[in-house]
Amino acid sequence: MTAARGFKGNKQSLPRKVCAVCGREMAWRKAWAKNWDDVKVCSDACRRRKGKGHAAATEAGGG
């Protein structure tokens, strides 16, 4: 019955990576289990921003 409530283990021990676009740290997710080695970005927003280069991220922040 506890398995139905979700992950109850130590989340600090999950593998982590840094997003190639924004630099945030992201933790392993069950949805990424089959392709964890191929995961490079943390979100759909970063995936869209990926092709625009680093200038787009600084432009949005500083105007």
PDB file of N, CA and C in Angstrom:
ATOM      1  N   MET A   1       0.812  -1.190   0.000  1.00  0.00           N
ATOM      2  CA  MET A   1       0.000   0.000   0.000  1.00  0.00           C
ATOM      3  C   MET A   1       0.862   1.264   0.000  1.00  0.00           C
ATOM      4  N   THR A   2       2.045   1.222   0.594  1.00  0.00           N
ATOM      5  CA  THR A   2       2.902   2.403   0.605  1.00  0.00           C
ATOM      6  C   THR A   2       3.485   2.685  -0.774  1.00  0.00           C
ATOM      7  N   ALA A   3       3.624   1.683  -1.612  1.00  0.00           N
ATOM      8  CA  ALA A   3       4.164   1.891  -2.956  1.00  0.00           C
ATOM      9  C   ALA A   3       3.219   2.737  -3.814  1.00  0.00           C
ATOM     10  N   ALA A   4       1.932   2.666  -3.553  1.00  0.00           N
ATOM     11  CA  ALA A   4       0.954   3.436  -4.317  1.00  0.00           C
ATOM     12  C   ALA A   4       1.034   4.930  -3.998  1.00  0.00           C
ATOM     13  N   ARG A   5       1.580   5.285  -2.863  1.00  0.00           N
ATOM     14  CA  ARG A   5       1.684   6.687  -2.468  1.00  0.00           C
ATOM     15  C   ARG A   5       2.883   7.394  -3.091  1.00  0.00           C
ATOM     16  N   GLY A   6       3.777   6.678  -3.708  1.00  0.00           N
ATOM     17  CA  GLY A   6       4.918   7.316  -4.348  1.00  0.00           C
ATOM     18  C   GLY A   6       6.242   6.910  -3.724  1.00  0.00           C
ATOM     19  N   PHE A   7       7.284   7.563  -4.150  1.00  0.00           N
ATOM     20  CA  PHE A   7       8.646   7.268  -3.722  1.00  0.00           C
ATOM     21  C   PHE A   7       8.829   7.678  -2.263  1.00  0.00           C
ATOM     22  N   LYS A   8       9.310   6.742  -1.448  1.00  0.00           N
ATOM     23  CA  LYS A   8       9.509   7.025  -0.037  1.00  0.00           C
ATOM     24  C   LYS A   8      10.972   6.922   0.366  1.00  0.00           C
ATOM     25  N   GLY A   9      11.851   6.730  -0.600  1.00  0.00           N
ATOM     26  CA  GLY A   9      13.268   6.562  -0.287  1.00  0.00           C
ATOM     27  C   GLY A   9      13.979   7.886  -0.092  1.00  0.00           C
ATOM     28  N   ASN A  10      15.291   7.835  -0.092  1.00  0.00           N
ATOM     29  CA  ASN A  10      16.125   9.002   0.088  1.00  0.00           C
ATOM     30  C   ASN A  10      16.323   9.695  -1.253  1.00  0.00           C
ATOM     31  N   LYS A  11      15.670  10.808  -1.466  1.00  0.00           N
ATOM     32  CA  LYS A  11      15.734  11.514  -2.743  1.00  0.00           C
ATOM     33  C   LYS A  11      17.095  12.174  -2.967  1.00  0.00           C
ATOM     34  N   GLN A  12      17.851  12.368  -1.914  1.00  0.00           N
ATOM     35  CA  GLN A  12      19.180  12.950  -2.050  1.00  0.00           C
ATOM     36  C   GLN A  12      20.141  12.018  -2.778  1.00  0.00           C
ATOM     37  N   SER A  13      19.831  10.722  -2.780  1.00  0.00           N
ATOM     38  CA  SER A  13      20.730   9.761  -3.405  1.00  0.00           C
ATOM     39  C   SER A  13      20.425   9.533  -4.887  1.00  0.00           C
ATOM     40  N   LEU A  14      19.397  10.208  -5.422  1.00  0.00           N
ATOM     41  CA  LEU A  14      19.078  10.067  -6.839  1.00  0.00           C
ATOM     42  C   LEU A  14      20.153  10.746  -7.685  1.00  0.00           C
ATOM     43  N   PRO A  15      20.431  10.207  -8.880  1.00  0.00           N
ATOM     44  CA  PRO A  15      21.420  10.846  -9.757  1.00  0.00           C
ATOM     45  C   PRO A  15      20.972  12.247 -10.150  1.00  0.00           C
ATOM     46  N   ARG A  16      21.934  13.133 -10.369  1.00  0.00           N
ATOM     47  CA  ARG A  16      21.639  14.518 -10.734  1.00  0.00           C
ATOM     48  C   ARG A  16      22.483  14.941 -11.921  1.00  0.00           C
ATOM     49  N   LYS A  17      21.962  15.909 -12.670  1.00  0.00           N
ATOM     50  CA  LYS A  17      22.665  16.504 -13.803  1.00  0.00           C
ATOM     51  C   LYS A  17      22.417  17.998 -13.781  1.00  0.00           C
ATOM     52  N   VAL A  18      23.198  18.724 -14.585  1.00  0.00           N
ATOM     53  CA  VAL A  18      23.002  20.158 -14.741  1.00  0.00           C
ATOM     54  C   VAL A  18      22.411  20.400 -16.121  1.00  0.00           C
ATOM     55  N   CYS A  19      21.381  21.238 -16.192  1.00  0.00           N
ATOM     56  CA  CYS A  19      20.722  21.568 -17.453  1.00  0.00           C
ATOM     57  C   CYS A  19      21.716  22.296 -18.356  1.00  0.00           C
ATOM     58  N   ALA A  20      21.785  21.889 -19.617  1.00  0.00           N
ATOM     59  CA  ALA A  20      22.719  22.476 -20.576  1.00  0.00           C
ATOM     60  C   ALA A  20      22.331  23.889 -20.965  1.00  0.00           C
ATOM     61  N   VAL A  21      21.085  24.307 -20.723  1.00  0.00           N
ATOM     62  CA  VAL A  21      20.622  25.631 -21.133  1.00  0.00           C
ATOM     63  C   VAL A  21      20.647  26.617 -19.972  1.00  0.00           C
ATOM     64  N   CYS A  22      19.964  26.289 -18.886  1.00  0.00           N
ATOM     65  CA  CYS A  22      19.829  27.254 -17.791  1.00  0.00           C
ATOM     66  C   CYS A  22      20.816  27.019 -16.647  1.00  0.00           C
ATOM     67  N   GLY A  23      21.432  25.849 -16.592  1.00  0.00           N
ATOM     68  CA  GLY A  23      22.415  25.575 -15.559  1.00  0.00           C
ATOM     69  C   GLY A  23      21.842  25.087 -14.242  1.00  0.00           C
ATOM     70  N   ARG A  24      20.537  24.905 -14.169  1.00  0.00           N
ATOM     71  CA  ARG A  24      19.925  24.397 -12.938  1.00  0.00           C
ATOM     72  C   ARG A  24      20.207  22.919 -12.782  1.00  0.00           C
ATOM     73  N   GLU A  25      20.271  22.490 -11.524  1.00  0.00           N
ATOM     74  CA  GLU A  25      20.464  21.075 -11.251  1.00  0.00           C
ATOM     75  C   GLU A  25      19.121  20.363 -11.344  1.00  0.00           C
ATOM     76  N   MET A  26      19.126  19.204 -12.005  1.00  0.00           N
ATOM     77  CA  MET A  26      17.891  18.423 -12.114  1.00  0.00           C
ATOM     78  C   MET A  26      18.155  17.014 -11.603  1.00  0.00           C
ATOM     79  N   ALA A  27      17.181  16.464 -10.900  1.00  0.00           N
ATOM     80  CA  ALA A  27      17.287  15.123 -10.342  1.00  0.00           C
ATOM     81  C   ALA A  27      16.611  14.120 -11.270  1.00  0.00           C
ATOM     82  N   TRP A  28      17.031  12.878 -11.176  1.00  0.00           N
ATOM     83  CA  TRP A  28      16.484  11.781 -11.964  1.00  0.00           C
ATOM     84  C   TRP A  28      14.984  11.674 -11.725  1.00  0.00           C
ATOM     85  N   ARG A  29      14.259  11.396 -12.791  1.00  0.00           N
ATOM     86  CA  ARG A  29      12.809  11.161 -12.710  1.00  0.00           C
ATOM     87  C   ARG A  29      12.493   9.815 -13.328  1.00  0.00           C
ATOM     88  N   LYS A  30      11.459   9.198 -12.862  1.00  0.00           N
ATOM     89  CA  LYS A  30      11.076   7.884 -13.383  1.00  0.00           C
ATOM     90  C   LYS A  30      10.772   7.965 -14.878  1.00  0.00           C
ATOM     91  N   ALA A  31      10.211   9.078 -15.339  1.00  0.00           N
ATOM     92  CA  ALA A  31       9.897   9.247 -16.759  1.00  0.00           C
ATOM     93  C   ALA A  31      11.163   9.240 -17.623  1.00  0.00           C
ATOM     94  N   TRP A  32      12.303   9.603 -17.027  1.00  0.00           N
ATOM     95  CA  TRP A  32      13.570   9.640 -17.763  1.00  0.00           C
ATOM     96  C   TRP A  32      14.365   8.348 -17.607  1.00  0.00           C
ATOM     97  N   ALA A  33      13.809   7.329 -16.988  1.00  0.00           N
ATOM     98  CA  ALA A  33      14.551   6.113 -16.665  1.00  0.00           C
ATOM     99  C   ALA A  33      15.171   5.446 -17.891  1.00  0.00           C
ATOM    100  N   LYS A  34      14.442   5.401 -18.995  1.00  0.00           N
ATOM    101  CA  LYS A  34      14.943   4.702 -20.188  1.00  0.00           C
ATOM    102  C   LYS A  34      15.965   5.514 -20.967  1.00  0.00           C
ATOM    103  N   ASN A  35      15.966   6.835 -20.819  1.00  0.00           N
ATOM    104  CA  ASN A  35      16.889   7.641 -21.609  1.00  0.00           C
ATOM    105  C   ASN A  35      17.633   8.685 -20.768  1.00  0.00           C
ATOM    106  N   TRP A  36      17.982   8.357 -19.546  1.00  0.00           N
ATOM    107  CA  TRP A  36      18.659   9.292 -18.648  1.00  0.00           C
ATOM    108  C   TRP A  36      19.962   9.809 -19.251  1.00  0.00           C
ATOM    109  N   ASP A  37      20.692   8.976 -19.969  1.00  0.00           N
ATOM    110  CA  ASP A  37      21.956   9.408 -20.576  1.00  0.00           C
ATOM    111  C   ASP A  37      21.736  10.466 -21.657  1.00  0.00           C
ATOM    112  N   ASP A  38      20.553  10.487 -22.270  1.00  0.00           N
ATOM    113  CA  ASP A  38      20.261  11.431 -23.348  1.00  0.00           C
ATOM    114  C   ASP A  38      19.615  12.724 -22.856  1.00  0.00           C
ATOM    115  N   VAL A  39      19.212  12.773 -21.599  1.00  0.00           N
ATOM    116  CA  VAL A  39      18.546  13.969 -21.065  1.00  0.00           C
ATOM    117  C   VAL A  39      19.585  15.079 -20.915  1.00  0.00           C
ATOM    118  N   LYS A  40      19.323  16.225 -21.563  1.00  0.00           N
ATOM    119  CA  LYS A  40      20.251  17.361 -21.512  1.00  0.00           C
ATOM    120  C   LYS A  40      19.619  18.614 -20.924  1.00  0.00           C
ATOM    121  N   VAL A  41      18.287  18.746 -21.029  1.00  0.00           N
ATOM    122  CA  VAL A  41      17.603  19.945 -20.563  1.00  0.00           C
ATOM    123  C   VAL A  41      16.567  19.590 -19.507  1.00  0.00           C
ATOM    124  N   CYS A  42      16.233  20.561 -18.660  1.00  0.00           N
ATOM    125  CA  CYS A  42      15.366  20.283 -17.519  1.00  0.00           C
ATOM    126  C   CYS A  42      13.883  20.433 -17.810  1.00  0.00           C
ATOM    127  N   SER A  43      13.524  21.155 -18.894  1.00  0.00           N
ATOM    128  CA  SER A  43      12.114  21.432 -19.118  1.00  0.00           C
ATOM    129  C   SER A  43      11.832  21.690 -20.594  1.00  0.00           C
ATOM    130  N   ASP A  44      10.545  21.775 -20.918  1.00  0.00           N
ATOM    131  CA  ASP A  44      10.155  22.112 -22.290  1.00  0.00           C
ATOM    132  C   ASP A  44      10.606  23.523 -22.651  1.00  0.00           C
ATOM    133  N   ALA A  45      10.573  24.434 -21.690  1.00  0.00           N
ATOM    134  CA  ALA A  45      11.006  25.808 -21.955  1.00  0.00           C
ATOM    135  C   ALA A  45      12.482  25.843 -22.342  1.00  0.00           C
ATOM    136  N   CYS A  46      13.306  25.083 -21.658  1.00  0.00           N
ATOM    137  CA  CYS A  46      14.728  25.031 -21.993  1.00  0.00           C
ATOM    138  C   CYS A  46      14.948  24.326 -23.329  1.00  0.00           C
ATOM    139  N   ARG A  47      14.132  23.358 -23.627  1.00  0.00           N
ATOM    140  CA  ARG A  47      14.246  22.663 -24.915  1.00  0.00           C
ATOM    141  C   ARG A  47      13.955  23.631 -26.065  1.00  0.00           C
ATOM    142  N   ARG A  48      12.954  24.502 -25.890  1.00  0.00           N
ATOM    143  CA  ARG A  48      12.639  25.501 -26.924  1.00  0.00           C
ATOM    144  C   ARG A  48      13.744  26.550 -27.034  1.00  0.00           C
ATOM    145  N   ARG A  49      14.320  26.942 -25.911  1.00  0.00           N
ATOM    146  CA  ARG A  49      15.351  27.966 -25.879  1.00  0.00           C
ATOM    147  C   ARG A  49      16.702  27.456 -26.368  1.00  0.00           C
ATOM    148  N   LYS A  50      16.872  26.139 -26.368  1.00  0.00           N
ATOM    149  CA  LYS A  50      18.149  25.515 -26.687  1.00  0.00           C
ATOM    150  C   LYS A  50      18.702  25.956 -28.037  1.00  0.00           C
ATOM    151  N   GLY A  51      17.877  26.012 -29.066  1.00  0.00           N
ATOM    152  CA  GLY A  51      18.332  26.353 -30.401  1.00  0.00           C
ATOM    153  C   GLY A  51      18.621  27.828 -30.601  1.00  0.00           C
ATOM    154  N   LYS A  52      18.159  28.696 -29.681  1.00  0.00           N
ATOM    155  CA  LYS A  52      18.316  30.138 -29.848  1.00  0.00           C
ATOM    156  C   LYS A  52      19.651  30.664 -29.351  1.00  0.00           C
ATOM    157  N   GLY A  53      20.403  29.836 -28.644  1.00  0.00           N
ATOM    158  CA  GLY A  53      21.711  30.264 -28.159  1.00  0.00           C
ATOM    159  C   GLY A  53      21.641  30.932 -26.799  1.00  0.00           C
ATOM    160  N   HIS A  54      22.798  31.288 -26.282  1.00  0.00           N
ATOM    161  CA  HIS A  54      22.897  31.851 -24.942  1.00  0.00           C
ATOM    162  C   HIS A  54      22.452  33.313 -24.917  1.00  0.00           C
ATOM    163  N   ALA A  55      22.516  34.022 -26.022  1.00  0.00           N
ATOM    164  CA  ALA A  55      22.144  35.431 -26.068  1.00  0.00           C
ATOM    165  C   ALA A  55      20.660  35.636 -25.763  1.00  0.00           C
ATOM    166  N   ALA A  56      19.824  34.697 -26.132  1.00  0.00           N
ATOM    167  CA  ALA A  56      18.385  34.817 -25.877  1.00  0.00           C
ATOM    168  C   ALA A  56      18.095  34.808 -24.369  1.00  0.00           C
ATOM    169  N   ALA A  57      18.834  34.033 -23.616  1.00  0.00           N
ATOM    170  CA  ALA A  57      18.608  33.968 -22.172  1.00  0.00           C
ATOM    171  C   ALA A  57      19.024  35.269 -21.501  1.00  0.00           C
ATOM    172  N   THR A  58      20.126  35.884 -21.935  1.00  0.00           N
ATOM    173  CA  THR A  58      20.567  37.128 -21.312  1.00  0.00           C
ATOM    174  C   THR A  58      19.697  38.290 -21.770  1.00  0.00           C
ATOM    175  N   GLU A  59      19.214  38.263 -22.998  1.00  0.00           N
ATOM    176  CA  GLU A  59      18.357  39.308 -23.520  1.00  0.00           C
ATOM    177  C   GLU A  59      17.042  39.391 -22.763  1.00  0.00           C
ATOM    178  N   ALA A  60      16.470  38.236 -22.433  1.00  0.00           N
ATOM    179  CA  ALA A  60      15.199  38.189 -21.716  1.00  0.00           C
ATOM    180  C   ALA A  60      15.359  38.723 -20.288  1.00  0.00           C
ATOM    181  N   GLY A  61      16.523  38.522 -19.697  1.00  0.00           N
ATOM    182  CA  GLY A  61      16.731  38.939 -18.324  1.00  0.00           C
ATOM    183  C   GLY A  61      17.130  40.396 -18.165  1.00  0.00           C
ATOM    184  N   GLY A  62      17.827  40.963 -19.151  1.00  0.00           N
ATOM    185  CA  GLY A  62      18.344  42.313 -18.958  1.00  0.00           C
ATOM    186  C   GLY A  62      17.760  43.368 -19.881  1.00  0.00           C
ATOM    187  N   GLY A  63      17.017  42.965 -20.908  1.00  0.00           N
ATOM    188  CA  GLY A  63      16.319  43.884 -21.758  1.00  0.00           C
ATOM    189  C   GLY A  63      17.129  44.646 -22.674  1.00  0.00           C
TER     190      GLY A  63
END
